[in-house]
Amino acid sequence: MREGVRLLIESAPDLELVAMCGDYGSLLRAVDQHEPDVVVTDIRMPPAASDEGIRAAEELRATHPRLGVLVLSAYAEPAYALRLLEGGSAGRAYLLKDRVADGDQLLDAIRAVASGGSVIDPRVVETLVTAQAKRKASRLDRLTPRELEVLGEIAQGKNNAAIASALFLSERAVEKHINAIFGKLGLSRERDTNRRVRAALLYLDERAAGSERR
């Protein structure tokens, strides 16, 4: 793969290859030494062969903010792509390795990040869109941030006075938030004790499901 990328870059008259590296440490040292416009890196490389390419991109954003980084991966991993773009999309690209077979796509991506552009492989975008479409809507999405905070306190078994103290609210305000929570969660026809328990269970269940999805 590395040799294929080298040949492609050397075939482009407007590009110059200044270094080739085999691991995370040598990559960072080469950037300091040569100050290139773009780094093309595998997502995994020694020493651990895990996420070194993404970590390098994160570190280089801080140490060399104008440097473009193109990450190559064997898999359409949305989580890695999102990490790559966390600090901004400018000068970042995420492509699948089979794009190397189409030399023009890889070279165009290098040119794009060199000028501050961004390129994300269409298959990664498709995976992101599909995952979002399949995501089960949560009833908690109906609540405001403050209502979620109040519900979180309910889930800890606190009464209204304790919730008011924890969130710096009046007890009357807490009561209003709780009534709104019950209504939005469809718990308006039960005794208050049952509603609090059911709301707490729903909160804990949805939070646990969200953690599993992540």
N, C-alpha and C. Protein backbone atom coordinates (compact mmCIF):
# COMPACT_ATOMS: atom_id res chain seq x y z
N MET A 1 0.83 -1.21 0.00
CA MET A 1 0.00 0.00 0.00
C MET A 1 0.87 1.26 0.00
N ARG A 2 1.87 1.25 0.86
CA ARG A 2 2.74 2.42 0.94
C ARG A 2 3.48 2.65 -0.37
N GLU A 3 3.92 1.56 -0.98
CA GLU A 3 4.63 1.66 -2.26
C GLU A 3 3.69 2.17 -3.35
N GLY A 4 2.44 1.71 -3.32
CA GLY A 4 1.47 2.18 -4.31
C GLY A 4 1.21 3.66 -4.19
N VAL A 5 1.09 4.14 -2.96
CA VAL A 5 0.89 5.58 -2.73
C VAL A 5 2.10 6.36 -3.21
N ARG A 6 3.30 5.83 -2.93
CA ARG A 6 4.53 6.51 -3.38
C ARG A 6 4.54 6.67 -4.90
N LEU A 7 4.23 5.60 -5.60
CA LEU A 7 4.24 5.66 -7.06
C LEU A 7 3.24 6.66 -7.60
N LEU A 8 2.07 6.70 -6.98
CA LEU A 8 1.05 7.66 -7.43
C LEU A 8 1.51 9.10 -7.25
N ILE A 9 2.04 9.38 -6.06
CA ILE A 9 2.48 10.76 -5.79
C ILE A 9 3.62 11.15 -6.72
N GLU A 10 4.56 10.24 -6.93
CA GLU A 10 5.70 10.57 -7.80
C GLU A 10 5.28 10.71 -9.26
N SER A 11 4.12 10.15 -9.61
CA SER A 11 3.64 10.28 -11.00
C SER A 11 2.97 11.62 -11.26
N ALA A 12 2.66 12.36 -10.18
CA ALA A 12 1.98 13.65 -10.33
C ALA A 12 3.01 14.77 -10.39
N PRO A 13 3.07 15.53 -11.48
CA PRO A 13 4.09 16.55 -11.62
C PRO A 13 3.98 17.70 -10.61
N ASP A 14 2.79 17.89 -10.04
CA ASP A 14 2.61 19.01 -9.11
C ASP A 14 2.80 18.60 -7.65
N LEU A 15 3.15 17.32 -7.42
CA LEU A 15 3.33 16.85 -6.05
C LEU A 15 4.76 16.36 -5.84
N GLU A 16 5.24 16.50 -4.61
CA GLU A 16 6.58 16.03 -4.27
C GLU A 16 6.53 15.21 -2.98
N LEU A 17 7.09 14.03 -3.02
CA LEU A 17 7.16 13.16 -1.85
C LEU A 17 8.42 13.50 -1.06
N VAL A 18 8.27 13.88 0.22
CA VAL A 18 9.44 14.29 0.98
C VAL A 18 9.89 13.24 1.99
N ALA A 19 9.01 12.29 2.34
CA ALA A 19 9.41 11.26 3.32
C ALA A 19 8.41 10.11 3.30
N MET A 20 8.90 8.91 3.67
CA MET A 20 8.05 7.74 3.87
C MET A 20 8.35 7.21 5.27
N CYS A 21 7.30 6.88 6.02
CA CYS A 21 7.48 6.48 7.42
C CYS A 21 6.75 5.18 7.70
N GLY A 22 7.29 4.42 8.65
CA GLY A 22 6.72 3.11 8.95
C GLY A 22 6.01 3.01 10.28
N ASP A 23 6.06 4.08 11.09
CA ASP A 23 5.38 4.01 12.38
C ASP A 23 5.01 5.41 12.86
N TYR A 24 4.27 5.42 13.95
CA TYR A 24 3.72 6.66 14.49
C TYR A 24 4.81 7.68 14.84
N GLY A 25 5.83 7.22 15.55
CA GLY A 25 6.88 8.13 15.97
C GLY A 25 7.65 8.74 14.83
N SER A 26 8.00 7.91 13.82
CA SER A 26 8.76 8.45 12.69
C SER A 26 7.91 9.40 11.86
N LEU A 27 6.60 9.19 11.84
CA LEU A 27 5.72 10.12 11.13
C LEU A 27 5.79 11.51 11.75
N LEU A 28 5.64 11.57 13.06
CA LEU A 28 5.67 12.88 13.73
C LEU A 28 7.03 13.55 13.58
N ARG A 29 8.10 12.76 13.65
CA ARG A 29 9.44 13.34 13.48
C ARG A 29 9.63 13.87 12.06
N ALA A 30 9.12 13.14 11.07
CA ALA A 30 9.25 13.57 9.67
C ALA A 30 8.50 14.87 9.43
N VAL A 31 7.35 15.03 10.05
CA VAL A 31 6.60 16.28 9.90
C VAL A 31 7.39 17.43 10.47
N ASP A 32 7.97 17.25 11.64
CA ASP A 32 8.79 18.31 12.24
C ASP A 32 9.98 18.66 11.36
N GLN A 33 10.58 17.64 10.74
CA GLN A 33 11.79 17.86 9.95
C GLN A 33 11.50 18.49 8.59
N HIS A 34 10.47 17.98 7.90
CA HIS A 34 10.24 18.41 6.52
C HIS A 34 9.13 19.46 6.36
N GLU A 35 8.28 19.62 7.37
CA GLU A 35 7.17 20.57 7.31
C GLU A 35 6.39 20.45 6.00
N PRO A 36 5.83 19.29 5.71
CA PRO A 36 5.09 19.10 4.46
C PRO A 36 3.74 19.81 4.47
N ASP A 37 3.10 19.85 3.32
CA ASP A 37 1.76 20.42 3.21
C ASP A 37 0.69 19.40 3.57
N VAL A 38 0.99 18.13 3.31
CA VAL A 38 0.00 17.07 3.52
C VAL A 38 0.69 15.81 4.05
N VAL A 39 0.00 15.11 4.95
CA VAL A 39 0.41 13.78 5.41
C VAL A 39 -0.64 12.79 4.93
N VAL A 40 -0.19 11.70 4.31
CA VAL A 40 -1.07 10.59 3.95
C VAL A 40 -0.71 9.44 4.89
N THR A 41 -1.67 9.01 5.70
CA THR A 41 -1.35 7.99 6.70
C THR A 41 -2.39 6.88 6.73
N ASP A 42 -1.91 5.69 7.03
CA ASP A 42 -2.82 4.58 7.31
C ASP A 42 -3.48 4.85 8.66
N ILE A 43 -4.70 4.37 8.83
CA ILE A 43 -5.36 4.57 10.13
C ILE A 43 -4.68 3.76 11.22
N ARG A 44 -4.04 2.64 10.83
CA ARG A 44 -3.34 1.79 11.78
C ARG A 44 -1.89 1.62 11.38
N MET A 45 -1.02 1.76 12.35
CA MET A 45 0.40 1.55 12.08
C MET A 45 1.09 1.19 13.39
N PRO A 46 2.32 0.71 13.31
CA PRO A 46 3.04 0.39 14.54
C PRO A 46 3.18 1.65 15.40
N PRO A 47 3.24 1.51 16.73
CA PRO A 47 3.56 0.26 17.43
C PRO A 47 2.35 -0.61 17.76
N ALA A 48 1.15 -0.06 17.89
CA ALA A 48 0.01 -0.86 18.39
C ALA A 48 -0.95 -1.28 17.28
N ALA A 49 -0.85 -0.67 16.11
CA ALA A 49 -1.75 -0.98 14.99
C ALA A 49 -3.22 -0.87 15.41
N SER A 50 -3.56 0.28 16.02
CA SER A 50 -4.94 0.49 16.45
C SER A 50 -5.53 1.71 15.74
N ASP A 51 -5.28 2.90 16.27
CA ASP A 51 -5.84 4.12 15.68
C ASP A 51 -4.78 5.22 15.54
N GLU A 52 -3.54 4.81 15.30
CA GLU A 52 -2.43 5.77 15.28
C GLU A 52 -2.64 6.89 14.26
N GLY A 53 -3.25 6.57 13.12
CA GLY A 53 -3.47 7.60 12.11
C GLY A 53 -4.38 8.71 12.60
N ILE A 54 -5.44 8.34 13.30
CA ILE A 54 -6.35 9.34 13.86
C ILE A 54 -5.67 10.12 14.96
N ARG A 55 -4.91 9.43 15.81
CA ARG A 55 -4.21 10.13 16.89
C ARG A 55 -3.18 11.10 16.34
N ALA A 56 -2.51 10.69 15.27
CA ALA A 56 -1.54 11.59 14.64
C ALA A 56 -2.24 12.84 14.10
N ALA A 57 -3.41 12.63 13.48
CA ALA A 57 -4.16 13.77 12.95
C ALA A 57 -4.55 14.72 14.07
N GLU A 58 -4.97 14.15 15.22
CA GLU A 58 -5.36 14.98 16.36
C GLU A 58 -4.17 15.77 16.91
N GLU A 59 -3.03 15.10 17.02
CA GLU A 59 -1.84 15.79 17.54
C GLU A 59 -1.35 16.85 16.56
N LEU A 60 -1.37 16.52 15.28
CA LEU A 60 -0.86 17.48 14.28
C LEU A 60 -1.77 18.69 14.14
N ARG A 61 -3.05 18.53 14.47
CA ARG A 61 -3.94 19.69 14.43
C ARG A 61 -3.47 20.75 15.42
N ALA A 62 -2.92 20.28 16.55
CA ALA A 62 -2.43 21.21 17.57
C ALA A 62 -1.04 21.75 17.25
N THR A 63 -0.16 20.86 16.76
CA THR A 63 1.23 21.27 16.55
C THR A 63 1.49 21.88 15.18
N HIS A 64 0.71 21.47 14.17
CA HIS A 64 0.87 21.99 12.81
C HIS A 64 -0.52 22.24 12.23
N PRO A 65 -1.20 23.29 12.68
CA PRO A 65 -2.61 23.51 12.33
C PRO A 65 -2.89 23.68 10.85
N ARG A 66 -1.90 24.08 10.08
CA ARG A 66 -2.15 24.27 8.63
C ARG A 66 -1.83 23.03 7.80
N LEU A 67 -1.39 21.98 8.45
CA LEU A 67 -1.04 20.74 7.76
C LEU A 67 -2.29 19.95 7.39
N GLY A 68 -2.39 19.49 6.16
CA GLY A 68 -3.49 18.64 5.75
C GLY A 68 -3.19 17.18 6.08
N VAL A 69 -4.22 16.43 6.46
CA VAL A 69 -4.03 15.01 6.80
C VAL A 69 -5.08 14.19 6.07
N LEU A 70 -4.59 13.20 5.31
CA LEU A 70 -5.47 12.27 4.61
C LEU A 70 -5.28 10.89 5.24
N VAL A 71 -6.34 10.34 5.80
CA VAL A 71 -6.29 9.04 6.47
C VAL A 71 -6.87 7.98 5.55
N LEU A 72 -6.12 6.88 5.39
CA LEU A 72 -6.58 5.75 4.59
C LEU A 72 -6.99 4.62 5.53
N SER A 73 -8.14 4.01 5.25
CA SER A 73 -8.63 2.93 6.09
C SER A 73 -9.18 1.80 5.24
N ALA A 74 -9.10 0.59 5.77
CA ALA A 74 -9.66 -0.56 5.06
C ALA A 74 -11.16 -0.68 5.27
N TYR A 75 -11.69 0.06 6.26
CA TYR A 75 -13.09 -0.10 6.62
C TYR A 75 -13.81 1.25 6.65
N ALA A 76 -15.11 1.21 6.32
CA ALA A 76 -15.95 2.40 6.39
C ALA A 76 -16.38 2.59 7.84
N GLU A 77 -15.49 3.15 8.66
CA GLU A 77 -15.72 3.32 10.09
C GLU A 77 -16.17 4.74 10.39
N PRO A 78 -17.47 4.99 10.54
CA PRO A 78 -17.93 6.35 10.82
C PRO A 78 -17.33 6.95 12.08
N ALA A 79 -17.11 6.12 13.11
CA ALA A 79 -16.58 6.64 14.38
C ALA A 79 -15.21 7.28 14.17
N TYR A 80 -14.36 6.65 13.37
CA TYR A 80 -13.04 7.21 13.10
C TYR A 80 -13.15 8.49 12.28
N ALA A 81 -14.03 8.48 11.29
CA ALA A 81 -14.22 9.68 10.48
C ALA A 81 -14.69 10.85 11.33
N LEU A 82 -15.60 10.59 12.25
CA LEU A 82 -16.10 11.65 13.12
C LEU A 82 -15.00 12.18 14.03
N ARG A 83 -14.16 11.28 14.54
CA ARG A 83 -13.03 11.73 15.35
C ARG A 83 -12.08 12.60 14.55
N LEU A 84 -11.86 12.22 13.30
CA LEU A 84 -10.95 12.98 12.44
C LEU A 84 -11.46 14.41 12.24
N LEU A 85 -12.78 14.56 12.19
CA LEU A 85 -13.37 15.86 11.90
C LEU A 85 -13.77 16.63 13.15
N GLU A 86 -13.51 16.08 14.33
CA GLU A 86 -13.97 16.68 15.57
C GLU A 86 -13.54 18.13 15.73
N GLY A 87 -12.30 18.41 15.40
CA GLY A 87 -11.80 19.77 15.57
C GLY A 87 -12.02 20.65 14.36
N GLY A 88 -12.77 20.17 13.38
CA GLY A 88 -13.00 20.92 12.14
C GLY A 88 -12.66 20.07 10.92
N SER A 89 -13.35 20.31 9.83
CA SER A 89 -13.16 19.49 8.63
C SER A 89 -12.09 20.02 7.69
N ALA A 90 -11.67 21.27 7.88
CA ALA A 90 -10.70 21.87 6.96
C ALA A 90 -9.39 21.08 6.97
N GLY A 91 -8.91 20.74 5.77
CA GLY A 91 -7.63 20.05 5.65
C GLY A 91 -7.65 18.62 6.14
N ARG A 92 -8.82 17.97 6.09
CA ARG A 92 -8.91 16.58 6.55
C ARG A 92 -9.63 15.74 5.51
N ALA A 93 -9.14 14.51 5.30
CA ALA A 93 -9.76 13.59 4.36
C ALA A 93 -9.73 12.18 4.94
N TYR A 94 -10.78 11.41 4.66
CA TYR A 94 -10.88 10.02 5.12
C TYR A 94 -11.33 9.20 3.92
N LEU A 95 -10.42 8.35 3.41
CA LEU A 95 -10.71 7.55 2.23
C LEU A 95 -10.49 6.07 2.52
N LEU A 96 -11.25 5.25 1.83
CA LEU A 96 -11.01 3.81 1.92
C LEU A 96 -9.82 3.45 1.04
N LYS A 97 -9.10 2.41 1.45
CA LYS A 97 -7.86 2.07 0.77
C LYS A 97 -8.06 1.66 -0.69
N ASP A 98 -9.24 1.14 -1.00
CA ASP A 98 -9.42 0.73 -2.39
C ASP A 98 -9.48 1.92 -3.34
N ARG A 99 -9.55 3.13 -2.79
CA ARG A 99 -9.49 4.33 -3.64
C ARG A 99 -8.10 4.52 -4.24
N VAL A 100 -7.10 3.86 -3.62
CA VAL A 100 -5.74 3.97 -4.15
C VAL A 100 -5.68 3.38 -5.54
N ALA A 101 -6.54 2.39 -5.81
CA ALA A 101 -6.57 1.79 -7.15
C ALA A 101 -7.00 2.80 -8.19
N ASP A 102 -7.82 3.76 -7.76
CA ASP A 102 -8.21 4.86 -8.64
C ASP A 102 -7.31 6.04 -8.28
N GLY A 103 -6.16 6.11 -8.94
CA GLY A 103 -5.16 7.10 -8.57
C GLY A 103 -5.66 8.52 -8.56
N ASP A 104 -6.56 8.86 -9.49
CA ASP A 104 -7.04 10.24 -9.58
C ASP A 104 -7.78 10.66 -8.30
N GLN A 105 -8.57 9.74 -7.72
CA GLN A 105 -9.31 10.09 -6.50
C GLN A 105 -8.36 10.41 -5.35
N LEU A 106 -7.33 9.60 -5.21
CA LEU A 106 -6.38 9.84 -4.13
C LEU A 106 -5.62 11.14 -4.34
N LEU A 107 -5.15 11.37 -5.56
CA LEU A 107 -4.40 12.59 -5.84
C LEU A 107 -5.27 13.83 -5.69
N ASP A 108 -6.53 13.73 -6.12
CA ASP A 108 -7.44 14.87 -5.96
C ASP A 108 -7.69 15.16 -4.48
N ALA A 109 -7.76 14.11 -3.67
CA ALA A 109 -7.97 14.30 -2.23
C ALA A 109 -6.75 14.97 -1.59
N ILE A 110 -5.56 14.58 -2.02
CA ILE A 110 -4.33 15.21 -1.51
C ILE A 110 -4.34 16.70 -1.84
N ARG A 111 -4.68 17.02 -3.06
CA ARG A 111 -4.73 18.43 -3.47
C ARG A 111 -5.79 19.20 -2.69
N ALA A 112 -6.91 18.54 -2.44
CA ALA A 112 -8.00 19.21 -1.72
C ALA A 112 -7.59 19.57 -0.30
N VAL A 113 -6.99 18.62 0.44
CA VAL A 113 -6.61 18.93 1.82
C VAL A 113 -5.44 19.90 1.86
N ALA A 114 -4.60 19.89 0.85
CA ALA A 114 -3.48 20.84 0.81
C ALA A 114 -3.99 22.28 0.74
N SER A 115 -5.16 22.46 0.13
CA SER A 115 -5.72 23.81 0.01
C SER A 115 -6.78 24.09 1.08
N GLY A 116 -6.83 23.22 2.09
CA GLY A 116 -7.77 23.46 3.19
C GLY A 116 -9.12 22.82 3.01
N GLY A 117 -9.29 22.01 1.97
CA GLY A 117 -10.57 21.37 1.72
C GLY A 117 -10.75 20.11 2.56
N SER A 118 -11.87 19.43 2.33
CA SER A 118 -12.19 18.23 3.09
C SER A 118 -12.79 17.19 2.16
N VAL A 119 -12.42 15.92 2.36
CA VAL A 119 -12.94 14.83 1.54
C VAL A 119 -13.28 13.65 2.45
N ILE A 120 -14.51 13.17 2.35
CA ILE A 120 -14.92 11.98 3.09
C ILE A 120 -15.43 10.96 2.09
N ASP A 121 -14.94 9.73 2.19
CA ASP A 121 -15.33 8.69 1.26
C ASP A 121 -16.85 8.53 1.23
N PRO A 122 -17.46 8.48 0.04
CA PRO A 122 -18.92 8.36 -0.06
C PRO A 122 -19.48 7.17 0.70
N ARG A 123 -18.72 6.08 0.78
CA ARG A 123 -19.24 4.91 1.50
C ARG A 123 -19.31 5.15 3.00
N VAL A 124 -18.41 5.97 3.52
CA VAL A 124 -18.46 6.32 4.94
C VAL A 124 -19.68 7.20 5.20
N VAL A 125 -19.92 8.15 4.29
CA VAL A 125 -21.10 9.02 4.43
C VAL A 125 -22.37 8.19 4.38
N GLU A 126 -22.42 7.24 3.46
CA GLU A 126 -23.60 6.37 3.34
C GLU A 126 -23.83 5.58 4.62
N THR A 127 -22.74 5.07 5.22
CA THR A 127 -22.87 4.32 6.46
C THR A 127 -23.39 5.20 7.59
N LEU A 128 -22.92 6.45 7.64
CA LEU A 128 -23.39 7.38 8.66
C LEU A 128 -24.88 7.67 8.50
N VAL A 129 -25.30 7.92 7.27
CA VAL A 129 -26.71 8.23 7.01
C VAL A 129 -27.60 7.04 7.35
N THR A 130 -27.16 5.84 6.97
CA THR A 130 -27.94 4.63 7.26
C THR A 130 -28.08 4.42 8.76
N ALA A 131 -26.98 4.60 9.49
CA ALA A 131 -27.01 4.41 10.94
C ALA A 131 -27.95 5.41 11.59
N GLN A 132 -27.95 6.65 11.11
CA GLN A 132 -28.82 7.68 11.67
C GLN A 132 -30.29 7.35 11.38
N ALA A 133 -30.56 6.85 10.18
CA ALA A 133 -31.93 6.52 9.81
C ALA A 133 -32.47 5.36 10.64
N LYS A 134 -31.59 4.43 11.03
CA LYS A 134 -32.02 3.26 11.79
C LYS A 134 -32.09 3.53 13.29
N ARG A 135 -31.54 4.65 13.70
CA ARG A 135 -31.51 4.96 15.13
C ARG A 135 -32.93 5.07 15.68
N LYS A 136 -33.19 4.31 16.70
CA LYS A 136 -34.51 4.33 17.34
C LYS A 136 -34.69 5.64 18.08
N ALA A 137 -35.79 6.33 17.76
CA ALA A 137 -36.08 7.59 18.44
C ALA A 137 -36.33 7.34 19.92
N SER A 138 -35.78 8.17 20.75
CA SER A 138 -35.94 8.05 22.19
C SER A 138 -37.00 9.03 22.68
N ARG A 139 -37.83 8.59 23.61
CA ARG A 139 -38.81 9.51 24.18
C ARG A 139 -38.12 10.63 24.95
N LEU A 140 -36.89 10.38 25.37
CA LEU A 140 -36.15 11.43 26.08
C LEU A 140 -35.82 12.60 25.17
N ASP A 141 -35.84 12.37 23.85
CA ASP A 141 -35.56 13.46 22.91
C ASP A 141 -36.60 14.57 23.01
N ARG A 142 -37.76 14.27 23.59
CA ARG A 142 -38.82 15.27 23.71
C ARG A 142 -38.54 16.27 24.83
N LEU A 143 -37.64 15.91 25.73
CA LEU A 143 -37.40 16.73 26.92
C LEU A 143 -36.38 17.83 26.65
N THR A 144 -36.54 18.94 27.35
CA THR A 144 -35.56 20.01 27.28
C THR A 144 -34.33 19.61 28.11
N PRO A 145 -33.20 20.29 27.91
CA PRO A 145 -32.02 19.98 28.72
C PRO A 145 -32.28 20.07 30.23
N ARG A 146 -33.05 21.08 30.65
CA ARG A 146 -33.35 21.23 32.08
C ARG A 146 -34.23 20.08 32.57
N GLU A 147 -35.20 19.68 31.75
CA GLU A 147 -36.06 18.55 32.13
C GLU A 147 -35.26 17.26 32.24
N LEU A 148 -34.27 17.09 31.37
CA LEU A 148 -33.40 15.92 31.46
C LEU A 148 -32.60 15.93 32.76
N GLU A 149 -32.15 17.11 33.16
CA GLU A 149 -31.42 17.22 34.42
C GLU A 149 -32.31 16.82 35.59
N VAL A 150 -33.55 17.32 35.59
CA VAL A 150 -34.49 16.99 36.66
C VAL A 150 -34.77 15.49 36.67
N LEU A 151 -34.97 14.91 35.49
CA LEU A 151 -35.24 13.48 35.40
C LEU A 151 -34.05 12.67 35.90
N GLY A 152 -32.85 13.13 35.59
CA GLY A 152 -31.66 12.46 36.08
C GLY A 152 -31.60 12.45 37.60
N GLU A 153 -32.06 13.55 38.22
CA GLU A 153 -32.09 13.60 39.69
C GLU A 153 -33.17 12.67 40.24
N ILE A 154 -34.31 12.60 39.55
CA ILE A 154 -35.37 11.66 39.95
C ILE A 154 -34.84 10.23 39.93
N ALA A 155 -34.07 9.92 38.88
CA ALA A 155 -33.53 8.57 38.72
C ALA A 155 -32.56 8.21 39.85
N GLN A 156 -32.04 9.23 40.54
CA GLN A 156 -31.17 8.99 41.69
C GLN A 156 -31.96 8.85 42.98
N GLY A 157 -33.30 8.90 42.86
CA GLY A 157 -34.15 8.70 44.03
C GLY A 157 -34.38 9.94 44.86
N LYS A 158 -34.08 11.12 44.34
CA LYS A 158 -34.22 12.35 45.12
C LYS A 158 -35.65 12.85 45.11
N ASN A 159 -36.05 13.46 46.23
CA ASN A 159 -37.37 14.09 46.28
C ASN A 159 -37.27 15.51 45.71
N ASN A 160 -38.41 16.19 45.66
CA ASN A 160 -38.43 17.51 45.02
C ASN A 160 -37.52 18.51 45.72
N ALA A 161 -37.49 18.47 47.03
CA ALA A 161 -36.65 19.41 47.78
C ALA A 161 -35.17 19.19 47.46
N ALA A 162 -34.75 17.92 47.40
CA ALA A 162 -33.36 17.60 47.10
C ALA A 162 -33.00 17.99 45.67
N ILE A 163 -33.95 17.80 44.75
CA ILE A 163 -33.71 18.19 43.35
C ILE A 163 -33.56 19.69 43.25
N ALA A 164 -34.43 20.42 43.95
CA ALA A 164 -34.37 21.88 43.94
C ALA A 164 -33.02 22.37 44.44
N SER A 165 -32.53 21.75 45.51
CA SER A 165 -31.25 22.15 46.08
C SER A 165 -30.10 21.83 45.14
N ALA A 166 -30.15 20.66 44.48
CA ALA A 166 -29.06 20.24 43.60
C ALA A 166 -28.97 21.11 42.35
N LEU A 167 -30.13 21.55 41.85
CA LEU A 167 -30.16 22.29 40.58
C LEU A 167 -30.39 23.79 40.77
N PHE A 168 -30.38 24.23 42.03
CA PHE A 168 -30.57 25.66 42.34
C PHE A 168 -31.89 26.18 41.75
N LEU A 169 -32.96 25.43 41.98
CA LEU A 169 -34.30 25.80 41.53
C LEU A 169 -35.22 25.90 42.74
N SER A 170 -36.35 26.56 42.55
CA SER A 170 -37.37 26.53 43.59
C SER A 170 -38.13 25.22 43.50
N GLU A 171 -38.75 24.80 44.59
CA GLU A 171 -39.53 23.56 44.55
C GLU A 171 -40.70 23.69 43.58
N ARG A 172 -41.24 24.89 43.47
CA ARG A 172 -42.33 25.10 42.53
C ARG A 172 -41.86 24.88 41.10
N ALA A 173 -40.66 25.36 40.78
CA ALA A 173 -40.11 25.16 39.43
C ALA A 173 -39.86 23.68 39.17
N VAL A 174 -39.40 22.97 40.18
CA VAL A 174 -39.17 21.53 40.04
C VAL A 174 -40.48 20.82 39.75
N GLU A 175 -41.53 21.19 40.47
CA GLU A 175 -42.84 20.58 40.25
C GLU A 175 -43.31 20.80 38.81
N LYS A 176 -43.12 22.02 38.30
CA LYS A 176 -43.52 22.31 36.92
C LYS A 176 -42.74 21.46 35.93
N HIS A 177 -41.44 21.33 36.15
CA HIS A 177 -40.62 20.51 35.26
C HIS A 177 -41.06 19.05 35.31
N ILE A 178 -41.35 18.56 36.52
CA ILE A 178 -41.75 17.15 36.65
C ILE A 178 -43.08 16.90 35.95
N ASN A 179 -44.04 17.82 36.10
CA ASN A 179 -45.32 17.65 35.41
C ASN A 179 -45.13 17.66 33.89
N ALA A 180 -44.22 18.51 33.42
CA ALA A 180 -43.94 18.54 31.98
C ALA A 180 -43.31 17.23 31.53
N ILE A 181 -42.41 16.69 32.35
CA ILE A 181 -41.76 15.41 32.03
C ILE A 181 -42.80 14.30 31.94
N PHE A 182 -43.68 14.23 32.94
CA PHE A 182 -44.71 13.20 32.94
C PHE A 182 -45.57 13.30 31.68
N GLY A 183 -45.95 14.51 31.31
CA GLY A 183 -46.79 14.69 30.13
C GLY A 183 -46.08 14.28 28.84
N LYS A 184 -44.83 14.68 28.69
CA LYS A 184 -44.09 14.37 27.46
C LYS A 184 -43.77 12.88 27.36
N LEU A 185 -43.65 12.20 28.50
CA LEU A 185 -43.34 10.77 28.48
C LEU A 185 -44.61 9.92 28.50
N GLY A 186 -45.76 10.58 28.46
CA GLY A 186 -47.02 9.83 28.43
C GLY A 186 -47.33 9.15 29.75
N LEU A 187 -46.96 9.78 30.87
CA LEU A 187 -47.17 9.18 32.19
C LEU A 187 -48.16 10.01 33.01
N SER A 188 -49.15 10.58 32.37
CA SER A 188 -50.02 11.54 33.04
C SER A 188 -51.24 10.94 33.72
N ARG A 189 -51.45 9.63 33.63
CA ARG A 189 -52.66 9.03 34.19
C ARG A 189 -52.37 8.04 35.31
N GLU A 190 -51.28 8.23 36.01
CA GLU A 190 -50.92 7.32 37.08
C GLU A 190 -50.67 8.11 38.36
N ARG A 191 -50.61 7.40 39.47
CA ARG A 191 -50.25 8.07 40.73
C ARG A 191 -48.83 8.60 40.63
N ASP A 192 -48.56 9.68 41.34
CA ASP A 192 -47.25 10.34 41.26
C ASP A 192 -46.11 9.38 41.58
N THR A 193 -46.31 8.50 42.58
CA THR A 193 -45.23 7.57 42.95
C THR A 193 -44.89 6.66 41.78
N ASN A 194 -45.93 6.10 41.15
CA ASN A 194 -45.70 5.22 40.01
C ASN A 194 -45.07 5.97 38.85
N ARG A 195 -45.52 7.20 38.64
CA ARG A 195 -44.97 7.98 37.53
C ARG A 195 -43.48 8.27 37.74
N ARG A 196 -43.10 8.58 38.94
CA ARG A 196 -41.68 8.84 39.21
C ARG A 196 -40.85 7.59 38.96
N VAL A 197 -41.35 6.45 39.42
CA VAL A 197 -40.61 5.20 39.23
C VAL A 197 -40.49 4.87 37.75
N ARG A 198 -41.59 4.99 37.01
CA ARG A 198 -41.57 4.65 35.59
C ARG A 198 -40.69 5.63 34.81
N ALA A 199 -40.75 6.90 35.16
CA ALA A 199 -39.89 7.89 34.49
C ALA A 199 -38.42 7.59 34.75
N ALA A 200 -38.10 7.23 36.00
CA ALA A 200 -36.71 6.90 36.34
C ALA A 200 -36.24 5.67 35.57
N LEU A 201 -37.10 4.65 35.49
CA LEU A 201 -36.72 3.43 34.77
C LEU A 201 -36.52 3.71 33.29
N LEU A 202 -37.39 4.54 32.72
CA LEU A 202 -37.25 4.89 31.30
C LEU A 202 -35.93 5.62 31.07
N TYR A 203 -35.61 6.55 31.96
CA TYR A 203 -34.36 7.31 31.85
C TYR A 203 -33.16 6.38 31.89
N LEU A 204 -33.13 5.49 32.86
CA LEU A 204 -31.99 4.58 33.00
C LEU A 204 -31.89 3.62 31.83
N ASP A 205 -33.03 3.15 31.33
CA ASP A 205 -33.04 2.23 30.19
C ASP A 205 -32.52 2.90 28.93
N GLU A 206 -32.97 4.13 28.69
CA GLU A 206 -32.54 4.86 27.49
C GLU A 206 -31.06 5.21 27.57
N ARG A 207 -30.59 5.59 28.75
CA ARG A 207 -29.17 5.91 28.90
C ARG A 207 -28.31 4.68 28.66
N ALA A 208 -28.77 3.52 29.18
CA ALA A 208 -28.00 2.30 28.97
C ALA A 208 -27.97 1.91 27.49
N ALA A 209 -29.10 2.08 26.80
CA ALA A 209 -29.15 1.77 25.38
C ALA A 209 -28.26 2.71 24.59
N GLY A 210 -28.22 3.99 24.98
CA GLY A 210 -27.36 4.95 24.30
C GLY A 210 -25.90 4.61 24.46
N SER A 211 -25.50 4.14 25.65
CA SER A 211 -24.11 3.75 25.88
C SER A 211 -23.72 2.56 25.03
N GLU A 212 -24.64 1.62 24.86
CA GLU A 212 -24.36 0.44 24.02
C GLU A 212 -24.19 0.84 22.57
N ARG A 213 -25.01 1.81 22.10
CA ARG A 213 -24.88 2.25 20.70
C ARG A 213 -23.53 2.91 20.47
N ARG A 214 -23.03 3.65 21.48
CA ARG A 214 -21.74 4.31 21.31
C ARG A 214 -20.61 3.30 21.36
